[in-house]
């Protein structure tokens, strides 16, 4: 049994981590902390936990963190890097922010408009795409958990990256409002979101360089894509529609076989004959992938769906912890799906 801490417990990802780890047979959450709610009982913040958990939220204490086997940093960008820098080498770190996802400091500072304060850790961090970087994750002391949009785009593209025109990639992605976090923002108020649908951060979303860097590294080619995110009037869920041009005509069965072979040992990637919907994965750590071949235009149209708070954040973080500590990869991650 390992001792685990969650820093940033009062956000959506912190709460999801707590729920997942509550049923994890190999991990005990000994420490939960918040920058704003210290001293309160966790059930005061989340009444859903009444009679289940009575943990008190503590202040962020570096000495306490250093005593843990693993710590999840569910903190905003730029905040995580300062804590990681001080605890690296003591607790093994799974960082859910973007602070260590990019290997180039200049690229990080350009897209996040902030100076990086832990540059020496960047080369030590491992990008935590569980299905691909398993061997590196296993030995890492610092895992950079991927972004939700990045997860929904990278996973479906990897098996077909060598059969497509890499200059043709367009991803049209949609997320539920929980993807923007729990903070109060005018654009996320009920009257702004309900009965509304909009694109945002067009041509400048921060997950763009993350997607491009990993695809480029994996394929040994320079890849740039067009990525447009949208806000859906629902709480959770993410769907990416990805358009690519095939290098040469291929039938659907041949492409299905590529996917099936690539992810045959990946318990949380499901390749579908039909097109998936967000409800198919809500409340789970699965990434479901379906596709159609547009023969008339020689294009492959890929649909991927994830729960943005689980496979897109906290579930993948626990999956990475399982890999780091040689636990069963699926431990704690097979809840009943939410339906309806």
Protein backbone atom coordinates (compact mmCIF):
# COMPACT_ATOMS: atom_id res chain seq x y z
CA UNK A 1 0.00 0.00 0.00
CA UNK A 2 1.45 3.34 -1.03
CA UNK A 3 0.84 6.71 0.65
CA UNK A 4 -0.71 9.23 -1.72
CA UNK A 5 -1.49 12.94 -1.61
CA UNK A 6 -3.69 15.21 -3.73
CA UNK A 7 -2.77 18.88 -3.93
CA UNK A 8 -5.62 20.95 -5.31
CA UNK A 9 -8.40 18.79 -3.93
CA UNK A 10 -11.24 21.28 -4.41
CA UNK A 11 -11.17 21.38 -8.22
CA UNK A 12 -12.99 18.94 -10.49
CA UNK A 13 -9.86 16.90 -11.19
CA UNK A 14 -8.97 16.74 -7.49
CA UNK A 15 -12.42 15.41 -6.66
CA UNK A 16 -12.24 12.83 -9.45
CA UNK A 17 -8.85 11.69 -8.14
CA UNK A 18 -10.27 11.25 -4.66
CA UNK A 19 -13.24 9.24 -5.95
CA UNK A 20 -11.03 6.94 -8.01
CA UNK A 21 -8.44 6.40 -5.27
CA UNK A 22 -11.16 5.75 -2.68
CA UNK A 23 -11.67 2.31 -4.23
CA UNK A 24 -8.01 1.65 -5.13
CA UNK A 25 -6.75 -1.39 -3.23
CA UNK A 26 -3.06 -0.41 -3.44
CA UNK A 27 -3.20 3.30 -2.58
CA UNK A 28 -4.21 5.16 0.57
CA UNK A 29 -4.95 8.89 0.33
CA UNK A 30 -3.20 10.21 3.44
CA UNK A 31 -3.03 13.88 2.56
CA UNK A 32 -5.34 16.29 0.74
CA UNK A 33 -4.53 19.98 0.42
CA UNK A 34 -5.91 23.19 -1.01
CA UNK A 35 -4.67 26.75 -1.38
CA UNK A 36 -8.07 28.17 -0.42
CA UNK A 37 -10.12 25.71 1.66
CA UNK A 38 -7.72 24.48 4.34
CA UNK A 39 -9.27 23.43 7.62
CA UNK A 40 -12.58 22.35 6.12
CA UNK A 41 -13.84 18.80 6.01
CA UNK A 42 -13.90 17.46 2.44
CA UNK A 43 -17.63 16.67 2.79
CA UNK A 44 -18.28 20.38 3.37
CA UNK A 45 -16.98 21.04 -0.13
CA UNK A 46 -18.49 17.91 -1.69
CA UNK A 47 -21.67 16.83 0.16
CA UNK A 48 -21.67 13.69 -2.00
CA UNK A 49 -18.98 12.38 0.37
CA UNK A 50 -21.07 12.65 3.55
CA UNK A 51 -20.75 9.41 5.58
CA UNK A 52 -18.09 8.18 3.13
CA UNK A 53 -15.06 10.38 3.83
CA UNK A 54 -14.23 12.83 6.59
CA UNK A 55 -10.71 13.87 5.59
CA UNK A 56 -9.71 17.38 6.63
CA UNK A 57 -8.26 19.62 3.94
CA UNK A 58 -4.76 20.68 4.96
CA UNK A 59 -2.54 23.55 3.91
CA UNK A 60 0.16 22.87 1.34
CA UNK A 61 3.03 21.58 3.46
CA UNK A 62 6.18 20.57 1.59
CA UNK A 63 7.50 18.47 4.48
CA UNK A 64 4.25 16.48 4.57
CA UNK A 65 4.36 16.00 0.80
CA UNK A 66 7.93 14.68 0.92
CA UNK A 67 6.78 11.83 3.19
CA UNK A 68 4.39 10.49 0.54
CA UNK A 69 5.13 7.85 -2.05
CA UNK A 70 3.18 9.68 -4.75
CA UNK A 71 1.57 13.08 -5.08
CA UNK A 72 -0.92 14.37 -7.63
CA UNK A 73 -0.60 18.06 -8.44
CA UNK A 74 -4.09 19.15 -9.52
CA UNK A 75 -3.11 22.79 -9.64
CA UNK A 76 -3.21 25.63 -12.18
CA UNK A 77 -0.41 26.10 -14.68
CA UNK A 78 2.64 27.90 -13.24
CA UNK A 79 1.68 26.89 -9.68
CA UNK A 80 2.58 23.22 -10.11
CA UNK A 81 6.12 23.91 -11.30
CA UNK A 82 7.10 25.67 -8.08
CA UNK A 83 5.94 22.81 -5.87
CA UNK A 84 7.38 20.14 -8.18
CA UNK A 85 10.74 21.85 -8.07
CA UNK A 86 10.83 21.62 -4.28
CA UNK A 87 9.64 18.03 -3.84
CA UNK A 88 11.30 16.34 -6.83
CA UNK A 89 13.30 13.32 -5.70
CA UNK A 90 11.19 12.77 -2.58
CA UNK A 91 7.66 11.89 -3.73
CA UNK A 92 6.97 10.62 -7.24
CA UNK A 93 4.95 13.31 -8.98
CA UNK A 94 2.01 13.13 -11.38
CA UNK A 95 1.37 16.69 -12.54
CA UNK A 96 -2.03 17.44 -14.09
CA UNK A 97 -1.06 20.95 -15.18
CA UNK A 98 0.70 21.83 -18.45
CA UNK A 99 3.95 22.87 -16.76
CA UNK A 100 6.01 19.89 -17.93
CA UNK A 101 4.19 18.69 -21.05
CA UNK A 102 6.39 20.60 -23.49
CA UNK A 103 10.09 19.87 -23.85
CA UNK A 104 10.98 23.30 -25.26
CA UNK A 105 10.96 26.10 -22.68
CA UNK A 106 10.62 28.78 -25.35
CA UNK A 107 7.51 27.09 -26.75
CA UNK A 108 6.01 26.84 -23.26
CA UNK A 109 6.66 30.50 -22.51
CA UNK A 110 5.27 31.59 -25.87
CA UNK A 111 1.97 29.70 -25.53
CA UNK A 112 1.45 30.09 -21.77
CA UNK A 113 2.67 33.71 -21.56
CA UNK A 114 4.68 32.95 -18.43
CA UNK A 115 8.30 32.33 -17.45
CA UNK A 116 9.10 28.74 -16.54
CA UNK A 117 10.49 28.52 -13.01
CA UNK A 118 11.65 24.89 -13.00
CA UNK A 119 13.52 24.54 -16.28
CA UNK A 120 15.91 21.89 -14.96
CA UNK A 121 13.00 19.50 -14.42
CA UNK A 122 11.67 19.69 -17.98
CA UNK A 123 14.18 17.18 -19.36
CA UNK A 124 13.43 14.84 -16.46
CA UNK A 125 9.68 14.82 -17.01
CA UNK A 126 7.98 12.06 -18.99
CA UNK A 127 4.90 12.80 -21.08
CA UNK A 128 2.25 10.60 -19.50
CA UNK A 129 0.36 9.20 -22.47
CA UNK A 130 -0.16 5.84 -20.77
CA UNK A 131 -0.68 3.73 -23.88
CA UNK A 132 2.54 4.83 -25.59
CA UNK A 133 5.11 5.85 -22.97
CA UNK A 134 4.61 3.00 -20.54
CA UNK A 135 8.28 2.03 -20.22
CA UNK A 136 9.37 5.62 -19.59
CA UNK A 137 6.51 6.26 -17.16
CA UNK A 138 7.42 3.19 -15.14
CA UNK A 139 10.81 4.63 -14.18
CA UNK A 140 9.91 8.30 -14.00
CA UNK A 141 9.89 10.49 -10.91
CA UNK A 142 7.84 13.18 -12.68
CA UNK A 143 5.02 12.44 -15.10
CA UNK A 144 3.36 15.23 -17.05
CA UNK A 145 -0.24 14.14 -17.44
CA UNK A 146 -1.52 14.97 -20.96
CA UNK A 147 -4.19 17.55 -21.64
CA UNK A 148 -7.73 16.38 -22.32
CA UNK A 149 -7.91 17.65 -25.89
CA UNK A 150 -4.43 16.32 -26.60
CA UNK A 151 -5.45 12.87 -25.37
CA UNK A 152 -8.54 12.85 -27.59
CA UNK A 153 -6.51 13.78 -30.68
CA UNK A 154 -3.18 11.96 -30.23
CA UNK A 155 -4.57 8.51 -29.37
CA UNK A 156 -6.70 8.19 -32.53
CA UNK A 157 -3.99 9.60 -34.83
CA UNK A 158 -1.00 7.46 -33.83
CA UNK A 159 -2.01 4.18 -35.54
CA UNK A 160 -2.62 5.90 -38.89
CA UNK A 161 0.12 8.54 -38.87
CA UNK A 162 2.12 6.68 -41.55
CA UNK A 163 -0.77 6.24 -43.98
CA UNK A 164 -1.94 9.87 -44.08
CA UNK A 165 -0.77 13.16 -45.50
CA UNK A 166 0.60 14.78 -42.35
CA UNK A 167 -0.09 18.23 -43.76
CA UNK A 168 -3.82 17.53 -43.93
CA UNK A 169 -4.70 17.07 -40.25
CA UNK A 170 -7.69 19.04 -38.99
CA UNK A 171 -9.22 18.37 -35.57
CA UNK A 172 -12.63 19.77 -34.72
CA UNK A 173 -13.00 19.10 -30.97
CA UNK A 174 -15.80 19.73 -28.48
CA UNK A 175 -15.76 19.66 -24.68
CA UNK A 176 -18.23 19.87 -21.84
CA UNK A 177 -17.90 22.91 -19.58
CA UNK A 178 -16.08 21.06 -16.80
CA UNK A 179 -13.00 21.17 -19.03
CA UNK A 180 -12.60 24.84 -18.09
CA UNK A 181 -12.37 24.05 -14.38
CA UNK A 182 -14.48 25.01 -11.39
CA UNK A 183 -13.54 28.67 -11.15
CA UNK A 184 -16.08 31.42 -11.71
CA UNK A 185 -15.88 32.75 -15.26
CA UNK A 186 -18.42 34.88 -17.07
CA UNK A 187 -18.40 32.75 -20.21
CA UNK A 188 -19.21 29.64 -18.19
CA UNK A 189 -22.29 30.93 -16.39
CA UNK A 190 -25.48 28.97 -17.03
CA UNK A 191 -27.12 31.66 -19.15
CA UNK A 192 -24.00 31.93 -21.30
CA UNK A 193 -23.61 28.19 -21.90
CA UNK A 194 -27.15 26.79 -21.91
CA UNK A 195 -28.72 26.53 -25.39
CA UNK A 196 -25.46 27.80 -26.85
CA UNK A 197 -22.53 26.34 -28.79
CA UNK A 198 -19.35 28.19 -29.64
CA UNK A 199 -15.78 27.87 -30.79
CA UNK A 200 -13.01 29.42 -28.70
CA UNK A 201 -9.22 29.91 -28.74
CA UNK A 202 -9.34 29.40 -32.50
CA UNK A 203 -5.83 28.87 -33.95
CA UNK A 204 -4.29 29.55 -30.53
CA UNK A 205 -5.39 26.85 -28.06
CA UNK A 206 -2.59 25.82 -25.71
CA UNK A 207 -2.99 22.09 -26.38
CA UNK A 208 -1.91 22.66 -29.99
CA UNK A 209 1.89 22.58 -29.40
CA UNK A 210 1.46 19.59 -27.08
CA UNK A 211 -0.31 17.60 -29.81
CA UNK A 212 2.19 18.66 -32.46
CA UNK A 213 5.23 17.86 -30.34
CA UNK A 214 4.16 14.33 -29.50
CA UNK A 215 2.99 13.47 -33.02
CA UNK A 216 6.23 14.85 -34.44
CA UNK A 217 8.37 12.92 -31.97
CA UNK A 218 6.47 9.69 -32.58
CA UNK A 219 6.57 9.92 -36.38
CA UNK A 220 9.99 11.56 -36.77
CA UNK A 221 8.32 14.15 -38.99
CA UNK A 222 7.50 17.80 -38.47
CA UNK A 223 3.75 17.92 -37.92
CA UNK A 224 1.47 20.92 -37.66
CA UNK A 225 -2.29 20.63 -37.51
CA UNK A 226 -5.36 22.84 -37.51
CA UNK A 227 -7.05 22.49 -34.14
CA UNK A 228 -10.32 24.16 -33.21
CA UNK A 229 -11.97 23.58 -29.80
CA UNK A 230 -15.64 24.19 -29.03
CA UNK A 231 -17.66 24.49 -25.83
CA UNK A 232 -20.65 22.18 -25.54
CA UNK A 233 -23.63 22.96 -23.25
CA UNK A 234 -23.10 19.86 -21.13
CA UNK A 235 -21.16 19.06 -17.97
CA UNK A 236 -18.63 16.48 -19.09
CA UNK A 237 -17.51 14.65 -22.18
CA UNK A 238 -15.28 15.34 -25.16
CA UNK A 239 -15.58 14.43 -28.84
CA UNK A 240 -12.95 15.05 -31.49
CA UNK A 241 -13.70 14.76 -35.20
CA UNK A 242 -10.39 14.46 -37.04
CA UNK A 243 -10.11 14.88 -40.81
CA UNK A 244 -7.06 13.52 -42.65
CA UNK A 245 -6.25 12.72 -46.26
CA UNK A 246 -5.09 9.17 -47.00
CA UNK A 247 -1.83 8.71 -48.89
CA UNK A 248 -3.58 6.11 -51.02
CA UNK A 249 -7.06 4.56 -51.02
CA UNK A 250 -7.70 2.07 -48.22
CA UNK A 251 -10.78 0.15 -47.18
CA UNK A 252 -12.35 0.33 -43.76
CA UNK A 253 -11.40 -3.22 -42.72
CA UNK A 254 -7.70 -2.60 -43.39
CA UNK A 255 -7.75 0.56 -41.29
CA UNK A 256 -9.66 -1.19 -38.53
CA UNK A 257 -6.97 -3.87 -38.44
CA UNK A 258 -4.30 -1.17 -38.03
CA UNK A 259 -6.09 0.23 -35.01
CA UNK A 260 -6.86 -3.16 -33.54
CA UNK A 261 -3.24 -4.31 -33.75
CA UNK A 262 -1.82 -1.02 -32.44
CA UNK A 263 -3.99 -0.98 -29.31
CA UNK A 264 -4.40 -4.72 -28.70
CA UNK A 265 -2.63 -4.44 -25.32
CA UNK A 266 -4.28 -1.18 -24.26
CA UNK A 267 -7.16 -1.91 -21.88
CA UNK A 268 -8.63 1.61 -22.06
CA UNK A 269 -8.73 2.08 -25.84
CA UNK A 270 -11.74 0.58 -27.59
CA UNK A 271 -11.89 0.46 -31.39
CA UNK A 272 -15.47 0.55 -32.60
CA UNK A 273 -17.12 -0.56 -35.84
CA UNK A 274 -19.75 2.13 -35.27
CA UNK A 275 -19.22 5.79 -34.41
CA UNK A 276 -19.00 6.45 -30.66
CA UNK A 277 -20.80 9.11 -28.63
CA UNK A 278 -19.81 10.89 -25.41
CA UNK A 279 -22.36 8.95 -23.35
CA UNK A 280 -20.51 5.74 -24.26
CA UNK A 281 -17.54 6.75 -22.11
CA UNK A 282 -19.00 9.10 -19.51
CA UNK A 283 -17.72 8.15 -16.06
CA UNK A 284 -15.01 5.87 -17.46
CA UNK A 285 -11.33 5.91 -18.37
CA UNK A 286 -11.98 4.67 -21.90
CA UNK A 287 -11.11 6.33 -25.17
CA UNK A 288 -13.49 5.02 -27.85
CA UNK A 289 -12.54 5.40 -31.50
CA UNK A 290 -14.63 4.98 -34.61
CA UNK A 291 -14.11 6.15 -38.19
CA UNK A 292 -15.46 6.33 -41.71
CA UNK A 293 -13.62 6.37 -45.03
CA UNK A 294 -14.79 9.12 -47.35
CA UNK A 295 -13.87 7.41 -50.63
CA UNK A 296 -15.12 10.29 -52.76
CA UNK A 297 -12.53 12.65 -51.23
CA UNK A 298 -9.98 10.01 -50.17
CA UNK A 299 -10.30 11.14 -46.58
CA UNK A 300 -10.37 9.32 -43.29
CA UNK A 301 -12.76 10.83 -40.74
CA UNK A 302 -12.00 9.72 -37.19
CA UNK A 303 -14.27 10.18 -34.17
CA UNK A 304 -12.82 9.81 -30.68
CA UNK A 305 -14.63 10.29 -27.37
CA UNK A 306 -13.39 10.51 -23.79
CA UNK A 307 -14.63 11.71 -20.44
CA UNK A 308 -12.54 14.88 -20.18
CA UNK A 309 -12.29 14.63 -16.37
CA UNK A 310 -11.28 10.97 -16.31
CA UNK A 311 -9.33 9.74 -19.35
CA UNK A 312 -8.66 13.42 -20.07
CA UNK A 313 -7.28 14.10 -16.57
CA UNK A 314 -7.68 12.20 -13.30
CA UNK A 315 -8.25 8.69 -14.67
CA UNK A 316 -5.18 8.85 -16.87
CA UNK A 317 -3.24 10.24 -13.89
CA UNK A 318 -4.16 7.18 -11.79
CA UNK A 319 -3.40 4.94 -14.77
CA UNK A 320 0.06 6.51 -14.81
CA UNK A 321 0.44 5.96 -11.07
CA UNK A 322 -0.46 2.30 -11.56
CA UNK A 323 2.25 1.98 -14.20
CA UNK A 324 4.82 3.80 -12.04
CA UNK A 325 4.29 1.45 -9.10
CA UNK A 326 3.81 -1.77 -11.07
CA UNK A 327 0.17 -2.12 -10.07
CA UNK A 328 -2.48 -3.59 -12.34
CA UNK A 329 -3.00 -0.86 -14.94
CA UNK A 330 -6.77 -0.97 -14.53
CA UNK A 331 -6.82 -0.88 -10.72
CA UNK A 332 -9.39 1.61 -9.46
CA UNK A 333 -10.35 2.55 -13.00
CA UNK A 334 -13.25 0.31 -13.91
CA UNK A 335 -16.29 2.12 -12.47
CA UNK A 336 -19.77 1.71 -13.79
CA UNK A 337 -20.35 4.11 -16.70
CA UNK A 338 -22.78 6.97 -16.13
CA UNK A 339 -25.99 6.39 -18.08
CA UNK A 340 -28.20 8.17 -18.88
